[in-house]
Amino acid sequence: MSDFRVASRYAKSLLELAGEKNLLEEVHADMQLFDQVCQQNSEFARLLASPVVLPEKKLSIIKSIFSDKISELSLVFLELVCKKDREKLLPAVAKQVHVQYNALKKIQEATVVTTFPLDDQLRNQFKEIIRNASGCEGIELTERVDKDLVGGYILKIGDRQIDDSISRKLHELKQNFMQN
């Protein structure tokens, strides 16, 4: 079975148990913290994937880092995964918890790329576009600044993309001139 499917199943099980115990928000926050640590500390992520380091050692490191920062349920879950010798999947599980949590809460993830930082008015306009396109009330908007766009924006909503950037329009104009 692929690592993605295994991570997805672990995430689903954790979210179901958290839902039963009314700890959904806490567990989601715990897994976001775990994912953030993995992204910010590549050595920690490599440690989890290393076949040389024993699972017991990995578990003791995980406990020393997270024991006072996450809920008891999340810590027991991390222990269980380590005891099953699947700790290399923990970063993927943490990401899947976030994806499945968003699906459960009907939160749409989107990314907007502009040439300048957004103010509150523009941010709200983009959120309204996303609400209309996706039908979701909850919006998780990631903002990026890219000076190479020249102007305009690129909005990614799930697997859809709206590219209304000046650089794309200039590229299309260049292509038209080359064809004629």
N, C-alpha and C. Protein backbone atom coordinates (compact mmCIF):
# COMPACT_ATOMS: atom_id res chain seq x y z
N MET A 1 0.84 -1.17 0.00
CA MET A 1 0.00 0.00 0.00
C MET A 1 0.90 1.24 0.00
N SER A 2 0.51 2.23 -0.75
CA SER A 2 1.33 3.45 -0.87
C SER A 2 1.35 4.21 0.45
N ASP A 3 2.41 4.98 0.64
CA ASP A 3 2.55 5.78 1.85
C ASP A 3 1.42 6.80 1.97
N PHE A 4 0.99 7.35 0.84
CA PHE A 4 -0.09 8.33 0.87
C PHE A 4 -1.37 7.71 1.43
N ARG A 5 -1.69 6.52 0.97
CA ARG A 5 -2.92 5.86 1.43
C ARG A 5 -2.85 5.52 2.91
N VAL A 6 -1.67 5.05 3.34
CA VAL A 6 -1.50 4.71 4.75
C VAL A 6 -1.62 5.98 5.61
N ALA A 7 -0.96 7.04 5.18
CA ALA A 7 -1.03 8.31 5.92
C ALA A 7 -2.47 8.82 5.96
N SER A 8 -3.18 8.69 4.87
CA SER A 8 -4.56 9.13 4.79
C SER A 8 -5.45 8.34 5.77
N ARG A 9 -5.19 7.04 5.86
CA ARG A 9 -5.98 6.21 6.78
C ARG A 9 -5.68 6.53 8.23
N TYR A 10 -4.42 6.73 8.54
CA TYR A 10 -4.05 7.13 9.90
C TYR A 10 -4.72 8.46 10.26
N ALA A 11 -4.68 9.41 9.33
CA ALA A 11 -5.28 10.72 9.58
C ALA A 11 -6.78 10.59 9.80
N LYS A 12 -7.43 9.79 8.99
CA LYS A 12 -8.87 9.60 9.12
C LYS A 12 -9.21 8.99 10.48
N SER A 13 -8.44 7.99 10.88
CA SER A 13 -8.68 7.35 12.18
C SER A 13 -8.49 8.33 13.33
N LEU A 14 -7.43 9.12 13.25
CA LEU A 14 -7.17 10.09 14.31
C LEU A 14 -8.28 11.13 14.38
N LEU A 15 -8.73 11.62 13.25
CA LEU A 15 -9.80 12.61 13.25
C LEU A 15 -11.12 12.03 13.76
N GLU A 16 -11.40 10.79 13.40
CA GLU A 16 -12.63 10.16 13.89
C GLU A 16 -12.60 10.01 15.41
N LEU A 17 -11.46 9.55 15.94
CA LEU A 17 -11.33 9.40 17.38
C LEU A 17 -11.39 10.76 18.08
N ALA A 18 -10.74 11.75 17.50
CA ALA A 18 -10.78 13.10 18.08
C ALA A 18 -12.20 13.64 18.07
N GLY A 19 -12.94 13.37 17.01
CA GLY A 19 -14.33 13.81 16.95
C GLY A 19 -15.18 13.15 18.02
N GLU A 20 -14.97 11.86 18.26
CA GLU A 20 -15.71 11.14 19.30
C GLU A 20 -15.41 11.70 20.68
N LYS A 21 -14.20 12.14 20.89
CA LYS A 21 -13.78 12.64 22.21
C LYS A 21 -13.90 14.17 22.32
N ASN A 22 -14.50 14.79 21.32
CA ASN A 22 -14.65 16.26 21.28
C ASN A 22 -13.31 16.98 21.41
N LEU A 23 -12.30 16.46 20.74
CA LEU A 23 -10.96 17.05 20.74
C LEU A 23 -10.49 17.39 19.33
N LEU A 24 -11.43 17.55 18.43
CA LEU A 24 -11.08 17.76 17.03
C LEU A 24 -10.19 18.98 16.82
N GLU A 25 -10.57 20.10 17.41
CA GLU A 25 -9.79 21.33 17.23
C GLU A 25 -8.39 21.19 17.82
N GLU A 26 -8.29 20.58 19.00
CA GLU A 26 -6.99 20.41 19.65
C GLU A 26 -6.08 19.51 18.82
N VAL A 27 -6.62 18.39 18.36
CA VAL A 27 -5.81 17.45 17.57
C VAL A 27 -5.38 18.10 16.26
N HIS A 28 -6.27 18.84 15.64
CA HIS A 28 -5.90 19.54 14.40
C HIS A 28 -4.76 20.51 14.66
N ALA A 29 -4.85 21.28 15.73
CA ALA A 29 -3.79 22.23 16.08
C ALA A 29 -2.49 21.49 16.39
N ASP A 30 -2.59 20.35 17.05
CA ASP A 30 -1.39 19.55 17.37
C ASP A 30 -0.70 19.07 16.10
N MET A 31 -1.48 18.59 15.16
CA MET A 31 -0.88 18.08 13.92
C MET A 31 -0.34 19.22 13.06
N GLN A 32 -0.94 20.40 13.15
CA GLN A 32 -0.38 21.55 12.44
C GLN A 32 0.96 21.93 13.06
N LEU A 33 1.06 21.87 14.38
CA LEU A 33 2.33 22.14 15.05
C LEU A 33 3.37 21.12 14.63
N PHE A 34 2.99 19.85 14.59
CA PHE A 34 3.92 18.79 14.18
C PHE A 34 4.41 19.03 12.74
N ASP A 35 3.49 19.36 11.86
CA ASP A 35 3.84 19.65 10.47
C ASP A 35 4.76 20.86 10.38
N GLN A 36 4.48 21.88 11.15
CA GLN A 36 5.30 23.08 11.15
C GLN A 36 6.72 22.76 11.61
N VAL A 37 6.88 21.94 12.63
CA VAL A 37 8.20 21.55 13.11
C VAL A 37 8.94 20.77 12.03
N CYS A 38 8.24 19.87 11.35
CA CYS A 38 8.86 19.09 10.27
C CYS A 38 9.31 19.98 9.12
N GLN A 39 8.52 20.99 8.78
CA GLN A 39 8.88 21.88 7.69
C GLN A 39 10.01 22.82 8.05
N GLN A 40 10.03 23.27 9.29
CA GLN A 40 11.05 24.22 9.70
C GLN A 40 12.36 23.56 10.10
N ASN A 41 12.32 22.29 10.43
CA ASN A 41 13.52 21.59 10.87
C ASN A 41 13.71 20.34 10.02
N SER A 42 14.47 20.47 8.95
CA SER A 42 14.67 19.35 8.04
C SER A 42 15.41 18.19 8.70
N GLU A 43 16.24 18.49 9.70
CA GLU A 43 16.94 17.41 10.41
C GLU A 43 15.94 16.52 11.16
N PHE A 44 14.92 17.12 11.74
CA PHE A 44 13.89 16.34 12.43
C PHE A 44 13.15 15.46 11.45
N ALA A 45 12.81 16.01 10.30
CA ALA A 45 12.10 15.22 9.28
C ALA A 45 12.99 14.07 8.78
N ARG A 46 14.27 14.35 8.60
CA ARG A 46 15.19 13.28 8.17
C ARG A 46 15.35 12.22 9.25
N LEU A 47 15.35 12.63 10.50
CA LEU A 47 15.43 11.68 11.61
C LEU A 47 14.26 10.72 11.57
N LEU A 48 13.06 11.24 11.34
CA LEU A 48 11.87 10.39 11.29
C LEU A 48 11.95 9.37 10.15
N ALA A 49 12.56 9.75 9.05
CA ALA A 49 12.65 8.87 7.88
C ALA A 49 13.84 7.93 7.94
N SER A 50 14.76 8.16 8.86
CA SER A 50 16.00 7.39 8.90
C SER A 50 15.77 5.94 9.35
N PRO A 51 16.23 4.97 8.56
CA PRO A 51 16.12 3.58 8.99
C PRO A 51 17.20 3.20 10.02
N VAL A 52 18.20 4.06 10.18
CA VAL A 52 19.31 3.77 11.09
C VAL A 52 18.91 4.02 12.55
N VAL A 53 18.13 5.08 12.79
CA VAL A 53 17.72 5.43 14.14
C VAL A 53 16.57 4.51 14.56
N LEU A 54 16.70 3.93 15.74
CA LEU A 54 15.68 3.01 16.24
C LEU A 54 14.37 3.74 16.55
N PRO A 55 13.24 3.06 16.34
CA PRO A 55 11.95 3.70 16.62
C PRO A 55 11.82 4.18 18.07
N GLU A 56 12.41 3.46 19.02
CA GLU A 56 12.36 3.89 20.42
C GLU A 56 13.05 5.23 20.62
N LYS A 57 14.18 5.40 19.95
CA LYS A 57 14.91 6.67 20.04
C LYS A 57 14.09 7.80 19.41
N LYS A 58 13.48 7.52 18.25
CA LYS A 58 12.64 8.52 17.60
C LYS A 58 11.48 8.93 18.51
N LEU A 59 10.87 7.91 19.17
CA LEU A 59 9.76 8.19 20.07
C LEU A 59 10.20 9.05 21.25
N SER A 60 11.37 8.76 21.81
CA SER A 60 11.84 9.57 22.94
C SER A 60 12.11 11.02 22.51
N ILE A 61 12.60 11.20 21.28
CA ILE A 61 12.83 12.56 20.76
C ILE A 61 11.50 13.27 20.55
N ILE A 62 10.54 12.56 19.97
CA ILE A 62 9.21 13.14 19.75
C ILE A 62 8.59 13.55 21.09
N LYS A 63 8.70 12.67 22.09
CA LYS A 63 8.14 12.99 23.41
C LYS A 63 8.83 14.19 24.03
N SER A 64 10.15 14.26 23.88
CA SER A 64 10.87 15.39 24.49
C SER A 64 10.49 16.72 23.84
N ILE A 65 10.17 16.67 22.55
CA ILE A 65 9.79 17.90 21.85
C ILE A 65 8.34 18.28 22.11
N PHE A 66 7.44 17.29 22.06
CA PHE A 66 6.00 17.60 22.02
C PHE A 66 5.22 17.28 23.28
N SER A 67 5.80 16.62 24.27
CA SER A 67 5.00 16.14 25.41
C SER A 67 4.25 17.25 26.15
N ASP A 68 4.83 18.43 26.25
CA ASP A 68 4.15 19.51 26.95
C ASP A 68 3.46 20.51 26.01
N LYS A 69 3.45 20.19 24.70
CA LYS A 69 2.89 21.13 23.73
C LYS A 69 1.62 20.62 23.05
N ILE A 70 1.36 19.32 23.12
CA ILE A 70 0.21 18.76 22.42
C ILE A 70 -0.67 17.98 23.40
N SER A 71 -1.87 17.67 22.95
CA SER A 71 -2.83 16.95 23.79
C SER A 71 -2.39 15.51 24.02
N GLU A 72 -2.97 14.91 25.04
CA GLU A 72 -2.65 13.51 25.39
C GLU A 72 -3.03 12.58 24.24
N LEU A 73 -4.16 12.82 23.60
CA LEU A 73 -4.59 11.97 22.49
C LEU A 73 -3.59 12.01 21.34
N SER A 74 -3.11 13.18 21.00
CA SER A 74 -2.13 13.30 19.92
C SER A 74 -0.83 12.61 20.28
N LEU A 75 -0.41 12.75 21.52
CA LEU A 75 0.83 12.11 21.96
C LEU A 75 0.70 10.59 21.93
N VAL A 76 -0.43 10.07 22.37
CA VAL A 76 -0.67 8.62 22.32
C VAL A 76 -0.69 8.15 20.87
N PHE A 77 -1.27 8.94 19.99
CA PHE A 77 -1.29 8.59 18.57
C PHE A 77 0.12 8.52 18.01
N LEU A 78 0.95 9.52 18.32
CA LEU A 78 2.34 9.51 17.84
C LEU A 78 3.09 8.29 18.37
N GLU A 79 2.84 7.93 19.63
CA GLU A 79 3.46 6.73 20.21
C GLU A 79 3.04 5.48 19.45
N LEU A 80 1.76 5.38 19.18
CA LEU A 80 1.23 4.22 18.45
C LEU A 80 1.88 4.07 17.08
N VAL A 81 1.97 5.17 16.37
CA VAL A 81 2.57 5.12 15.03
C VAL A 81 4.05 4.72 15.12
N CYS A 82 4.75 5.21 16.12
CA CYS A 82 6.16 4.84 16.30
C CYS A 82 6.30 3.37 16.66
N LYS A 83 5.41 2.86 17.49
CA LYS A 83 5.46 1.45 17.89
C LYS A 83 5.17 0.53 16.70
N LYS A 84 4.42 1.03 15.74
CA LYS A 84 4.13 0.27 14.51
C LYS A 84 5.26 0.42 13.49
N ASP A 85 6.32 1.17 13.85
CA ASP A 85 7.48 1.40 12.98
C ASP A 85 7.08 2.15 11.70
N ARG A 86 6.18 3.11 11.86
CA ARG A 86 5.70 3.92 10.74
C ARG A 86 5.96 5.40 10.95
N GLU A 87 6.93 5.73 11.77
CA GLU A 87 7.19 7.14 12.10
C GLU A 87 7.60 7.97 10.91
N LYS A 88 8.13 7.33 9.87
CA LYS A 88 8.49 8.10 8.67
C LYS A 88 7.26 8.70 7.99
N LEU A 89 6.09 8.15 8.30
CA LEU A 89 4.84 8.65 7.71
C LEU A 89 4.24 9.82 8.48
N LEU A 90 4.77 10.12 9.65
CA LEU A 90 4.15 11.15 10.49
C LEU A 90 4.03 12.52 9.81
N PRO A 91 5.04 13.00 9.08
CA PRO A 91 4.82 14.28 8.39
C PRO A 91 3.66 14.23 7.39
N ALA A 92 3.55 13.13 6.66
CA ALA A 92 2.44 12.99 5.70
C ALA A 92 1.11 12.86 6.42
N VAL A 93 1.10 12.18 7.57
CA VAL A 93 -0.13 12.06 8.36
C VAL A 93 -0.57 13.44 8.83
N ALA A 94 0.37 14.24 9.31
CA ALA A 94 0.03 15.58 9.79
C ALA A 94 -0.57 16.43 8.67
N LYS A 95 -0.01 16.33 7.47
CA LYS A 95 -0.57 17.07 6.33
C LYS A 95 -1.97 16.56 5.99
N GLN A 96 -2.15 15.25 6.02
CA GLN A 96 -3.46 14.68 5.71
C GLN A 96 -4.51 15.04 6.75
N VAL A 97 -4.10 15.15 8.01
CA VAL A 97 -5.05 15.59 9.04
C VAL A 97 -5.58 16.97 8.68
N HIS A 98 -4.70 17.85 8.24
CA HIS A 98 -5.13 19.20 7.87
C HIS A 98 -6.06 19.16 6.66
N VAL A 99 -5.71 18.39 5.65
CA VAL A 99 -6.54 18.29 4.44
C VAL A 99 -7.92 17.73 4.79
N GLN A 100 -7.95 16.66 5.57
CA GLN A 100 -9.23 16.04 5.92
C GLN A 100 -10.05 16.90 6.88
N TYR A 101 -9.37 17.61 7.76
CA TYR A 101 -10.06 18.54 8.65
C TYR A 101 -10.75 19.63 7.83
N ASN A 102 -10.03 20.18 6.85
CA ASN A 102 -10.62 21.21 6.00
C ASN A 102 -11.82 20.68 5.23
N ALA A 103 -11.72 19.45 4.74
CA ALA A 103 -12.84 18.84 4.02
C ALA A 103 -14.03 18.64 4.97
N LEU A 104 -13.75 18.21 6.18
CA LEU A 104 -14.79 17.98 7.17
C LEU A 104 -15.50 19.28 7.56
N LYS A 105 -14.74 20.34 7.71
CA LYS A 105 -15.28 21.64 8.11
C LYS A 105 -15.68 22.51 6.92
N LYS A 106 -15.56 21.96 5.71
CA LYS A 106 -15.89 22.68 4.47
C LYS A 106 -15.11 23.99 4.36
N ILE A 107 -13.79 23.87 4.53
CA ILE A 107 -12.88 25.01 4.41
C ILE A 107 -12.14 24.86 3.09
N GLN A 108 -12.21 25.87 2.24
CA GLN A 108 -11.54 25.84 0.94
C GLN A 108 -10.16 26.48 1.05
N GLU A 109 -9.14 25.75 0.61
CA GLU A 109 -7.80 26.31 0.55
C GLU A 109 -7.61 27.00 -0.78
N ALA A 110 -6.96 28.15 -0.75
CA ALA A 110 -6.69 28.90 -1.97
C ALA A 110 -5.40 29.68 -1.79
N THR A 111 -4.77 29.97 -2.93
CA THR A 111 -3.54 30.76 -2.93
C THR A 111 -3.71 31.91 -3.90
N VAL A 112 -3.31 33.09 -3.47
CA VAL A 112 -3.34 34.25 -4.36
C VAL A 112 -1.92 34.80 -4.44
N VAL A 113 -1.49 35.06 -5.67
CA VAL A 113 -0.17 35.63 -5.93
C VAL A 113 -0.39 36.99 -6.55
N THR A 114 0.19 38.02 -5.92
CA THR A 114 0.08 39.39 -6.42
C THR A 114 1.46 40.03 -6.43
N THR A 115 1.53 41.24 -6.94
CA THR A 115 2.81 41.96 -6.98
C THR A 115 3.06 42.77 -5.71
N PHE A 116 2.07 42.81 -4.81
CA PHE A 116 2.18 43.59 -3.58
C PHE A 116 1.38 42.89 -2.50
N PRO A 117 1.68 43.16 -1.24
CA PRO A 117 0.89 42.57 -0.15
C PRO A 117 -0.56 43.07 -0.19
N LEU A 118 -1.49 42.18 0.12
CA LEU A 118 -2.91 42.53 0.09
C LEU A 118 -3.30 43.32 1.32
N ASP A 119 -4.21 44.28 1.13
CA ASP A 119 -4.81 44.95 2.27
C ASP A 119 -6.12 44.20 2.60
N ASP A 120 -6.78 44.59 3.67
CA ASP A 120 -7.98 43.88 4.11
C ASP A 120 -9.10 43.90 3.07
N GLN A 121 -9.25 45.03 2.38
CA GLN A 121 -10.31 45.14 1.38
C GLN A 121 -10.10 44.16 0.23
N LEU A 122 -8.87 44.11 -0.31
CA LEU A 122 -8.58 43.16 -1.40
C LEU A 122 -8.69 41.72 -0.92
N ARG A 123 -8.20 41.46 0.28
CA ARG A 123 -8.27 40.11 0.84
C ARG A 123 -9.72 39.65 0.91
N ASN A 124 -10.61 40.53 1.37
CA ASN A 124 -12.03 40.19 1.45
C ASN A 124 -12.65 39.98 0.07
N GLN A 125 -12.21 40.77 -0.92
CA GLN A 125 -12.71 40.57 -2.29
C GLN A 125 -12.29 39.21 -2.83
N PHE A 126 -11.04 38.82 -2.58
CA PHE A 126 -10.58 37.50 -3.03
C PHE A 126 -11.35 36.40 -2.31
N LYS A 127 -11.60 36.57 -1.03
CA LYS A 127 -12.36 35.55 -0.28
C LYS A 127 -13.78 35.42 -0.84
N GLU A 128 -14.36 36.53 -1.26
CA GLU A 128 -15.70 36.48 -1.85
C GLU A 128 -15.68 35.74 -3.20
N ILE A 129 -14.64 35.97 -4.00
CA ILE A 129 -14.48 35.24 -5.27
C ILE A 129 -14.37 33.75 -4.99
N ILE A 130 -13.60 33.40 -3.98
CA ILE A 130 -13.41 31.99 -3.63
C ILE A 130 -14.71 31.38 -3.13
N ARG A 131 -15.45 32.11 -2.31
CA ARG A 131 -16.75 31.61 -1.82
C ARG A 131 -17.69 31.33 -2.99
N ASN A 132 -17.74 32.25 -3.95
CA ASN A 132 -18.62 32.09 -5.10
C ASN A 132 -18.18 30.92 -5.97
N ALA A 133 -16.87 30.73 -6.11
CA ALA A 133 -16.36 29.65 -6.96
C ALA A 133 -16.48 28.28 -6.31
N SER A 134 -16.33 28.21 -4.99
CA SER A 134 -16.29 26.91 -4.34
C SER A 134 -17.56 26.56 -3.58
N GLY A 135 -18.32 27.56 -3.17
CA GLY A 135 -19.51 27.30 -2.38
C GLY A 135 -19.20 27.08 -0.90
N CYS A 136 -17.95 27.21 -0.50
CA CYS A 136 -17.55 27.02 0.89
C CYS A 136 -17.55 28.35 1.62
N GLU A 137 -17.97 28.32 2.87
CA GLU A 137 -17.95 29.53 3.68
C GLU A 137 -16.58 29.77 4.29
N GLY A 138 -15.93 28.68 4.73
CA GLY A 138 -14.61 28.81 5.32
C GLY A 138 -13.54 28.92 4.25
N ILE A 139 -12.66 29.88 4.39
CA ILE A 139 -11.61 30.11 3.41
C ILE A 139 -10.26 30.14 4.12
N GLU A 140 -9.32 29.38 3.60
CA GLU A 140 -7.94 29.43 4.08
C GLU A 140 -7.10 29.99 2.94
N LEU A 141 -6.81 31.28 3.01
CA LEU A 141 -6.14 31.98 1.93
C LEU A 141 -4.66 32.15 2.23
N THR A 142 -3.83 31.64 1.32
CA THR A 142 -2.39 31.83 1.40
C THR A 142 -2.02 32.93 0.42
N GLU A 143 -1.25 33.89 0.90
CA GLU A 143 -0.88 35.04 0.07
C GLU A 143 0.61 34.99 -0.24
N ARG A 144 0.95 35.23 -1.51
CA ARG A 144 2.35 35.32 -1.92
C ARG A 144 2.54 36.57 -2.76
N VAL A 145 3.73 37.13 -2.69
CA VAL A 145 4.08 38.30 -3.49
C VAL A 145 5.12 37.87 -4.51
N ASP A 146 4.88 38.21 -5.78
CA ASP A 146 5.80 37.88 -6.87
C ASP A 146 5.90 39.11 -7.78
N LYS A 147 7.03 39.78 -7.71
CA LYS A 147 7.23 41.02 -8.50
C LYS A 147 7.28 40.75 -10.01
N ASP A 148 7.54 39.49 -10.41
CA ASP A 148 7.64 39.14 -11.82
C ASP A 148 6.29 39.17 -12.54
N LEU A 149 5.19 39.23 -11.79
CA LEU A 149 3.87 39.28 -12.42
C LEU A 149 3.62 40.59 -13.13
N VAL A 150 4.34 41.62 -12.81
CA VAL A 150 4.20 42.98 -13.32
C VAL A 150 2.94 43.63 -12.76
N GLY A 151 1.83 42.96 -12.79
CA GLY A 151 0.57 43.46 -12.26
C GLY A 151 -0.46 42.35 -12.33
N GLY A 152 -1.62 42.57 -11.76
CA GLY A 152 -2.67 41.57 -11.78
C GLY A 152 -2.49 40.55 -10.67
N TYR A 153 -3.05 39.34 -10.87
CA TYR A 153 -2.98 38.31 -9.84
C TYR A 153 -3.12 36.93 -10.47
N ILE A 154 -2.73 35.93 -9.69
CA ILE A 154 -2.99 34.52 -10.00
C ILE A 154 -3.70 33.95 -8.78
N LEU A 155 -4.88 33.38 -8.99
CA LEU A 155 -5.66 32.81 -7.90
C LEU A 155 -5.84 31.32 -8.15
N LYS A 156 -5.39 30.51 -7.20
CA LYS A 156 -5.54 29.05 -7.30
C LYS A 156 -6.53 28.60 -6.25
N ILE A 157 -7.59 27.95 -6.72
CA ILE A 157 -8.63 27.42 -5.85
C ILE A 157 -8.72 25.93 -6.14
N GLY A 158 -8.18 25.12 -5.23
CA GLY A 158 -8.15 23.68 -5.47
C GLY A 158 -7.32 23.39 -6.70
N ASP A 159 -7.93 22.75 -7.70
CA ASP A 159 -7.20 22.44 -8.93
C ASP A 159 -7.50 23.43 -10.05
N ARG A 160 -8.19 24.52 -9.74
CA ARG A 160 -8.49 25.56 -10.72
C ARG A 160 -7.55 26.75 -10.52
N GLN A 161 -7.29 27.44 -11.62
CA GLN A 161 -6.42 28.61 -11.54
C GLN A 161 -6.98 29.72 -12.40
N ILE A 162 -7.00 30.92 -11.83
CA ILE A 162 -7.40 32.12 -12.56
C ILE A 162 -6.14 32.96 -12.68
N ASP A 163 -5.64 33.10 -13.90
CA ASP A 163 -4.41 33.88 -14.12
C ASP A 163 -4.79 35.17 -14.84
N ASP A 164 -4.88 36.22 -14.08
CA ASP A 164 -5.22 37.54 -14.62
C ASP A 164 -4.03 38.48 -14.42
N SER A 165 -2.83 37.95 -14.74
CA SER A 165 -1.61 38.73 -14.53
C SER A 165 -1.19 39.42 -15.83
N ILE A 166 -0.51 40.53 -15.67
CA ILE A 166 0.00 41.28 -16.81
C ILE A 166 1.06 40.46 -17.55
N SER A 167 1.88 39.71 -16.80
CA SER A 167 2.93 38.91 -17.45
C SER A 167 2.32 37.86 -18.37
N ARG A 168 1.19 37.23 -17.98
CA ARG A 168 0.53 36.27 -18.86
C ARG A 168 -0.02 36.96 -20.10
N LYS A 169 -0.61 38.13 -19.91
CA LYS A 169 -1.17 38.87 -21.05
C LYS A 169 -0.07 39.31 -22.01
N LEU A 170 1.07 39.72 -21.46
CA LEU A 170 2.21 40.08 -22.31
C LEU A 170 2.73 38.86 -23.08
N HIS A 171 2.76 37.72 -22.41
CA HIS A 171 3.20 36.49 -23.07
C HIS A 171 2.24 36.11 -24.21
N GLU A 172 0.94 36.23 -23.97
CA GLU A 172 -0.04 35.93 -25.02
C GLU A 172 0.10 36.90 -26.19
N LEU A 173 0.34 38.17 -25.89
CA LEU A 173 0.53 39.18 -26.94
C LEU A 173 1.77 38.86 -27.76
N LYS A 174 2.82 38.44 -27.10
CA LYS A 174 4.07 38.06 -27.78
C LYS A 174 3.82 36.86 -28.70
N GLN A 175 3.06 35.89 -28.20
CA GLN A 175 2.73 34.71 -29.01
C GLN A 175 1.92 35.10 -30.24
N ASN A 176 0.98 36.02 -30.08
CA ASN A 176 0.17 36.48 -31.21
C ASN A 176 1.03 37.18 -32.26
N PHE A 177 1.96 38.02 -31.81
CA PHE A 177 2.85 38.70 -32.75
C PHE A 177 3.73 37.70 -33.50
N MET A 178 4.18 36.68 -32.80
CA MET A 178 5.06 35.68 -33.42
C MET A 178 4.29 34.85 -34.47
N GLN A 179 2.99 34.61 -34.24
CA GLN A 179 2.20 33.84 -35.17
C GLN A 179 1.86 34.66 -36.41
N ASN A 180 1.71 35.96 -36.25
CA ASN A 180 1.36 36.82 -37.39
C ASN A 180 2.63 37.29 -38.01
